[in-house]
Amino acid sequence: MATIFTKIIRGEIPCYKVAEDGRYFAFLDINPLNTGHTLVVTKQETDYLFNLDDDTYSGLMVFSKRVASAIEKVVKCKRIGVAVVGLEVPHVHVHLIPMNSMDDINFTKPKLRFTPEEFREIAEKISKEALK
């Protein structure tokens, strides 16, 4: 059965997409820790990061770097934190989280809430930077 991320990639579930290429897909986390919190996923449905072949793994990191650079141009932060947890959805994904302090990447803290319009605005700004 397809994961929720595969359904998002296929367009079966809506998302706030920020970037895409032939192998990777990036979209805003709908339960963000900070403004601009983005998930980067492989289009290939693989459960565990370290089960990816070397080329796909390396490509995921390069694509994530491009998206992180775009986020930094849109969201005021000291840096972009990177987390790969992989327990909540059985599909490889990288969290890119704008950070100003270590607490900004604490997954136990309450998540932020945004309106659909706010999500769209953030996604569009990041997407414009990612396409440059």
Protein backbone atom coordinates (compact mmCIF):
# COMPACT_ATOMS: atom_id res chain seq x y z
CA MET A 1 0.00 0.00 0.00
CA ALA A 2 1.27 3.48 -0.89
CA THR A 3 2.52 5.70 1.91
CA ILE A 4 0.98 9.10 2.59
CA PHE A 5 4.05 10.66 0.95
CA THR A 6 3.58 8.61 -2.23
CA LYS A 7 -0.04 9.76 -2.31
CA ILE A 8 1.13 13.38 -1.92
CA ILE A 9 3.67 12.95 -4.75
CA ARG A 10 0.95 11.46 -7.00
CA GLY A 11 -1.37 14.39 -6.21
CA GLU A 12 -3.91 12.17 -4.44
CA ILE A 13 -3.47 14.22 -1.25
CA PRO A 14 -2.93 17.99 -1.46
CA CYS A 15 0.25 19.62 -0.19
CA TYR A 16 2.16 22.87 -0.25
CA LYS A 17 4.89 21.90 -2.71
CA VAL A 18 8.11 23.90 -2.74
CA ALA A 19 10.30 21.92 -5.16
CA GLU A 20 10.38 18.80 -7.31
CA ASP A 21 12.58 17.02 -9.80
CA GLY A 22 12.54 13.55 -11.32
CA ARG A 23 13.60 11.79 -8.10
CA TYR A 24 12.75 14.07 -5.15
CA PHE A 25 9.83 16.09 -3.86
CA ALA A 26 9.75 18.83 -1.19
CA PHE A 27 6.70 20.24 0.57
CA LEU A 28 5.84 22.11 3.75
CA ASP A 29 5.23 20.05 6.86
CA ILE A 30 1.59 20.64 7.87
CA ASN A 31 2.58 20.29 11.54
CA PRO A 32 5.61 22.59 11.49
CA LEU A 33 8.06 23.24 14.27
CA ASN A 34 8.90 26.59 12.68
CA THR A 35 7.86 28.69 9.68
CA GLY A 36 9.26 27.06 6.55
CA HIS A 37 9.62 23.55 8.06
CA THR A 38 9.89 21.44 4.92
CA LEU A 39 9.94 17.73 4.20
CA VAL A 40 12.10 16.38 1.39
CA VAL A 41 11.19 12.89 0.22
CA THR A 42 12.39 10.43 -2.35
CA LYS A 43 9.88 9.62 -5.06
CA GLN A 44 11.10 6.05 -4.75
CA GLU A 45 9.18 4.57 -1.84
CA THR A 46 11.84 3.28 0.55
CA ASP A 47 11.28 2.92 4.28
CA TYR A 48 14.76 3.51 5.69
CA LEU A 49 17.35 6.14 4.73
CA PHE A 50 20.27 3.75 4.87
CA ASN A 51 18.53 1.29 2.53
CA LEU A 52 18.83 3.82 -0.31
CA ASP A 53 21.45 3.14 -2.94
CA ASP A 54 24.41 5.54 -2.80
CA ASP A 55 23.32 7.59 -5.80
CA THR A 56 19.80 8.16 -4.46
CA TYR A 57 21.12 8.94 -0.98
CA SER A 58 23.64 11.47 -2.32
CA GLY A 59 21.04 13.00 -4.62
CA LEU A 60 18.63 13.40 -1.71
CA MET A 61 21.23 15.35 0.23
CA VAL A 62 22.10 17.57 -2.75
CA PHE A 63 18.40 18.26 -3.42
CA SER A 64 17.86 18.96 0.30
CA LYS A 65 20.75 21.42 0.23
CA ARG A 66 19.14 23.30 -2.65
CA VAL A 67 15.82 23.48 -0.81
CA ALA A 68 17.53 24.53 2.45
CA SER A 69 19.24 27.37 0.61
CA ALA A 70 15.86 28.54 -0.69
CA ILE A 71 14.32 28.39 2.80
CA GLU A 72 17.18 30.47 4.22
CA LYS A 73 16.44 33.22 1.69
CA VAL A 74 12.78 33.35 2.77
CA VAL A 75 12.77 32.63 6.51
CA LYS A 76 14.89 34.63 8.92
CA CYS A 77 16.99 32.09 10.82
CA LYS A 78 20.54 31.33 11.92
CA ARG A 79 20.62 28.06 10.01
CA ILE A 80 18.56 25.19 8.70
CA GLY A 81 18.47 22.16 10.97
CA VAL A 82 18.33 18.72 9.39
CA ALA A 83 16.64 15.73 10.98
CA VAL A 84 15.99 12.24 9.68
CA VAL A 85 13.82 10.41 12.16
CA GLY A 86 11.97 7.96 9.97
CA LEU A 87 9.67 6.31 12.46
CA GLU A 88 6.41 8.15 11.84
CA VAL A 89 6.03 7.48 8.09
CA PRO A 90 7.64 4.45 6.39
CA HIS A 91 9.03 6.55 3.53
CA VAL A 92 12.46 8.23 3.54
CA HIS A 93 12.16 11.92 4.39
CA VAL A 94 14.39 14.71 5.56
CA HIS A 95 13.11 17.48 7.82
CA LEU A 96 14.54 20.92 7.00
CA ILE A 97 13.78 23.21 9.94
CA PRO A 98 14.71 26.89 10.19
CA MET A 99 16.47 27.38 13.54
CA ASN A 100 17.52 30.21 15.80
CA SER A 101 18.08 28.00 18.86
CA MET A 102 18.42 24.29 19.65
CA ASP A 103 14.84 24.26 20.94
CA ASP A 104 13.59 25.01 17.42
CA ILE A 105 14.26 21.39 16.42
CA ASN A 106 12.54 19.84 19.45
CA PHE A 107 9.86 17.54 18.05
CA THR A 108 8.03 17.37 21.39
CA LYS A 109 7.16 21.08 21.46
CA PRO A 110 3.73 22.26 20.24
CA LYS A 111 3.43 22.59 16.49
CA LEU A 112 2.64 25.89 14.81
CA ARG A 113 -0.68 26.55 13.10
CA PHE A 114 -1.06 28.38 9.81
CA THR A 115 -4.02 29.12 7.58
CA PRO A 116 -4.06 27.59 4.10
CA GLU A 117 -3.31 31.06 2.73
CA GLU A 118 -0.25 31.39 5.00
CA PHE A 119 1.00 27.94 3.97
CA ARG A 120 0.54 28.81 0.28
CA GLU A 121 2.40 32.11 0.68
CA ILE A 122 5.35 30.46 2.43
CA ALA A 123 5.49 27.62 -0.12
CA GLU A 124 5.35 30.02 -3.07
CA LYS A 125 8.20 32.16 -1.68
CA ILE A 126 10.42 29.12 -1.08
CA SER A 127 9.53 27.65 -4.45
CA LYS A 128 10.54 30.83 -6.28
CA GLU A 129 13.95 30.73 -4.60
CA ALA A 130 14.37 26.99 -5.24
CA LEU A 131 13.76 27.48 -8.96
CA LYS A 132 16.58 30.02 -9.34
